[in-house]
Amino acid sequence: MSDMYDDPEMTPVTAFDNVTFTEVGDRIKGRVIRFERIETRYGKVAKYWLFDLDRNVERTMLAGAMDLWSQLHKLRPQVGDTLDIELVGIEGRQHKYQVEVTSGDEPF
């Protein structure tokens, strides 16, 4: 078996990049692969691993914004569910999101 570092098909990719919402209209639609609590310098936040259905890559998302976490907490998405999240407004330092969860019919 050859070393993976010598494999010419191995190339740098942006998979696992973190989802950011900076401008109104920024959106992610992805299937939840897993999620966990992580510790940041700001406290504990939820980290989601999503399969981005538009880009066909795995991405991560921190649910640190108050409105985003509030909606996710209420909707309680699970592994296999599809999240559709869009930044719909910015009021000062507060971001406002539209969040939809579609239940997954089969395991991912």
C-alpha atoms as a PDB file:
ATOM      1  CA  MET A   1       0.000   0.000   0.000  1.00  0.00           C
ATOM      2  CA  SER A   2       1.397   3.384  -0.929  1.00  0.00           C
ATOM      3  CA  ASP A   3       1.651   6.360   1.379  1.00  0.00           C
ATOM      4  CA  MET A   4      -1.313   8.757   1.123  1.00  0.00           C
ATOM      5  CA  TYR A   5       1.126  11.665   0.825  1.00  0.00           C
ATOM      6  CA  ASP A   6       2.444  10.187  -2.412  1.00  0.00           C
ATOM      7  CA  ASP A   7      -1.048   9.757  -3.913  1.00  0.00           C
ATOM      8  CA  PRO A   8      -1.349  12.216  -6.854  1.00  0.00           C
ATOM      9  CA  GLU A   9      -5.147  12.289  -6.425  1.00  0.00           C
ATOM     10  CA  MET A  10      -4.835  13.796  -2.938  1.00  0.00           C
ATOM     11  CA  THR A  11      -5.353  17.536  -3.253  1.00  0.00           C
ATOM     12  CA  PRO A  12      -6.121  20.347  -0.841  1.00  0.00           C
ATOM     13  CA  VAL A  13      -9.846  21.005  -0.555  1.00  0.00           C
ATOM     14  CA  THR A  14     -12.022  23.358   1.441  1.00  0.00           C
ATOM     15  CA  ALA A  15     -14.070  20.542   2.952  1.00  0.00           C
ATOM     16  CA  PHE A  16     -14.742  21.022   6.634  1.00  0.00           C
ATOM     17  CA  ASP A  17     -14.724  24.769   6.232  1.00  0.00           C
ATOM     18  CA  ASN A  18     -16.749  26.707   8.754  1.00  0.00           C
ATOM     19  CA  VAL A  19     -20.067  28.195   7.658  1.00  0.00           C
ATOM     20  CA  THR A  20     -20.178  31.963   8.176  1.00  0.00           C
ATOM     21  CA  PHE A  21     -23.107  34.321   7.876  1.00  0.00           C
ATOM     22  CA  THR A  22     -21.796  37.816   7.125  1.00  0.00           C
ATOM     23  CA  GLU A  23     -24.272  39.332   4.668  1.00  0.00           C
ATOM     24  CA  VAL A  24     -28.052  39.209   4.483  1.00  0.00           C
ATOM     25  CA  GLY A  25     -28.928  36.346   2.144  1.00  0.00           C
ATOM     26  CA  ASP A  26     -26.044  34.097   3.229  1.00  0.00           C
ATOM     27  CA  ARG A  27     -27.511  30.615   3.446  1.00  0.00           C
ATOM     28  CA  ILE A  28     -26.675  26.972   4.133  1.00  0.00           C
ATOM     29  CA  LYS A  29     -28.828  23.986   3.396  1.00  0.00           C
ATOM     30  CA  GLY A  30     -27.285  20.842   4.752  1.00  0.00           C
ATOM     31  CA  ARG A  31     -27.928  17.497   6.324  1.00  0.00           C
ATOM     32  CA  VAL A  32     -26.822  17.084   9.942  1.00  0.00           C
ATOM     33  CA  ILE A  33     -24.025  14.514  10.157  1.00  0.00           C
ATOM     34  CA  ARG A  34     -23.308  15.036  13.858  1.00  0.00           C
ATOM     35  CA  PHE A  35     -23.225  17.714  16.522  1.00  0.00           C
ATOM     36  CA  GLU A  36     -21.648  18.283  19.908  1.00  0.00           C
ATOM     37  CA  ARG A  37     -21.052  20.853  22.610  1.00  0.00           C
ATOM     38  CA  ILE A  38     -17.667  22.542  22.436  1.00  0.00           C
ATOM     39  CA  GLU A  39     -15.941  24.978  24.749  1.00  0.00           C
ATOM     40  CA  THR A  40     -14.885  28.334  23.285  1.00  0.00           C
ATOM     41  CA  ARG A  41     -13.447  31.394  24.932  1.00  0.00           C
ATOM     42  CA  TYR A  42     -17.028  32.716  25.020  1.00  0.00           C
ATOM     43  CA  GLY A  43     -18.468  29.619  26.705  1.00  0.00           C
ATOM     44  CA  LYS A  44     -20.093  26.414  25.487  1.00  0.00           C
ATOM     45  CA  VAL A  45     -21.645  26.443  22.018  1.00  0.00           C
ATOM     46  CA  ALA A  46     -23.096  23.848  19.670  1.00  0.00           C
ATOM     47  CA  LYS A  47     -20.995  22.743  16.716  1.00  0.00           C
ATOM     48  CA  TYR A  48     -22.735  21.060  13.799  1.00  0.00           C
ATOM     49  CA  TRP A  49     -21.181  19.008  11.022  1.00  0.00           C
ATOM     50  CA  LEU A  50     -23.324  19.416   7.920  1.00  0.00           C
ATOM     51  CA  PHE A  51     -23.221  17.927   4.453  1.00  0.00           C
ATOM     52  CA  ASP A  52     -23.761  21.053   2.339  1.00  0.00           C
ATOM     53  CA  LEU A  53     -26.390  20.013  -0.215  1.00  0.00           C
ATOM     54  CA  ASP A  54     -25.592  22.906  -2.564  1.00  0.00           C
ATOM     55  CA  ARG A  55     -21.800  22.483  -2.599  1.00  0.00           C
ATOM     56  CA  ASN A  56     -21.613  18.704  -1.979  1.00  0.00           C
ATOM     57  CA  VAL A  57     -18.999  19.065   0.759  1.00  0.00           C
ATOM     58  CA  GLU A  58     -18.892  18.585   4.510  1.00  0.00           C
ATOM     59  CA  ARG A  59     -18.838  21.841   6.495  1.00  0.00           C
ATOM     60  CA  THR A  60     -18.957  22.844  10.126  1.00  0.00           C
ATOM     61  CA  MET A  61     -21.134  25.480  11.751  1.00  0.00           C
ATOM     62  CA  LEU A  62     -21.004  27.025  15.205  1.00  0.00           C
ATOM     63  CA  ALA A  63     -24.398  28.004  16.583  1.00  0.00           C
ATOM     64  CA  GLY A  64     -23.114  30.893  18.669  1.00  0.00           C
ATOM     65  CA  ALA A  65     -25.416  33.708  17.552  1.00  0.00           C
ATOM     66  CA  MET A  66     -28.250  34.151  20.024  1.00  0.00           C
ATOM     67  CA  ASP A  67     -31.085  34.089  17.469  1.00  0.00           C
ATOM     68  CA  LEU A  68     -29.630  31.093  15.640  1.00  0.00           C
ATOM     69  CA  TRP A  69     -29.113  29.094  18.844  1.00  0.00           C
ATOM     70  CA  SER A  70     -32.558  30.037  20.128  1.00  0.00           C
ATOM     71  CA  GLN A  71     -34.244  28.692  16.992  1.00  0.00           C
ATOM     72  CA  LEU A  72     -32.115  25.536  16.868  1.00  0.00           C
ATOM     73  CA  HIS A  73     -32.824  24.937  20.564  1.00  0.00           C
ATOM     74  CA  LYS A  74     -36.560  25.177  19.902  1.00  0.00           C
ATOM     75  CA  LEU A  75     -36.490  23.018  16.741  1.00  0.00           C
ATOM     76  CA  ARG A  76     -33.984  20.458  18.112  1.00  0.00           C
ATOM     77  CA  PRO A  77     -32.573  19.080  14.836  1.00  0.00           C
ATOM     78  CA  GLN A  78     -31.143  15.561  14.992  1.00  0.00           C
ATOM     79  CA  VAL A  79     -28.634  13.602  12.922  1.00  0.00           C
ATOM     80  CA  GLY A  80     -30.158  12.966   9.483  1.00  0.00           C
ATOM     81  CA  ASP A  81     -32.351  16.084   9.558  1.00  0.00           C
ATOM     82  CA  THR A  82     -31.869  18.816   6.960  1.00  0.00           C
ATOM     83  CA  LEU A  83     -31.220  22.358   8.131  1.00  0.00           C
ATOM     84  CA  ASP A  84     -32.006  25.337   5.918  1.00  0.00           C
ATOM     85  CA  ILE A  85     -30.595  28.481   7.533  1.00  0.00           C
ATOM     86  CA  GLU A  86     -30.538  31.967   6.038  1.00  0.00           C
ATOM     87  CA  LEU A  87     -29.324  35.255   7.476  1.00  0.00           C
ATOM     88  CA  VAL A  88     -32.338  37.535   6.970  1.00  0.00           C
ATOM     89  CA  GLY A  89     -31.337  40.648   8.875  1.00  0.00           C
ATOM     90  CA  ILE A  90     -28.646  42.458  10.811  1.00  0.00           C
ATOM     91  CA  GLU A  91     -29.669  44.907  13.509  1.00  0.00           C
ATOM     92  CA  GLY A  92     -26.584  46.425  15.078  1.00  0.00           C
ATOM     93  CA  ARG A  93     -24.559  43.467  16.310  1.00  0.00           C
ATOM     94  CA  GLN A  94     -27.555  41.100  16.300  1.00  0.00           C
ATOM     95  CA  HIS A  95     -28.038  38.699  13.411  1.00  0.00           C
ATOM     96  CA  LYS A  96     -31.553  37.461  12.585  1.00  0.00           C
ATOM     97  CA  TYR A  97     -32.030  34.069  10.961  1.00  0.00           C
ATOM     98  CA  GLN A  98     -34.719  32.064   9.257  1.00  0.00           C
ATOM     99  CA  VAL A  99     -34.291  28.415  10.248  1.00  0.00           C
ATOM    100  CA  GLU A 100     -36.186  25.428   8.884  1.00  0.00           C
ATOM    101  CA  VAL A 101     -35.681  21.798   9.856  1.00  0.00           C
ATOM    102  CA  THR A 102     -36.856  18.895   7.722  1.00  0.00           C
ATOM    103  CA  SER A 103     -36.841  15.515   9.430  1.00  0.00           C
ATOM    104  CA  GLY A 104     -34.621  12.889   7.849  1.00  0.00           C
ATOM    105  CA  ASP A 105     -36.436   9.764   6.719  1.00  0.00           C
ATOM    106  CA  GLU A 106     -33.399   7.531   6.790  1.00  0.00           C
ATOM    107  CA  PRO A 107     -30.095   7.476   8.678  1.00  0.00           C
ATOM    108  CA  PHE A 108     -27.182   9.332   7.150  1.00  0.00           C
END
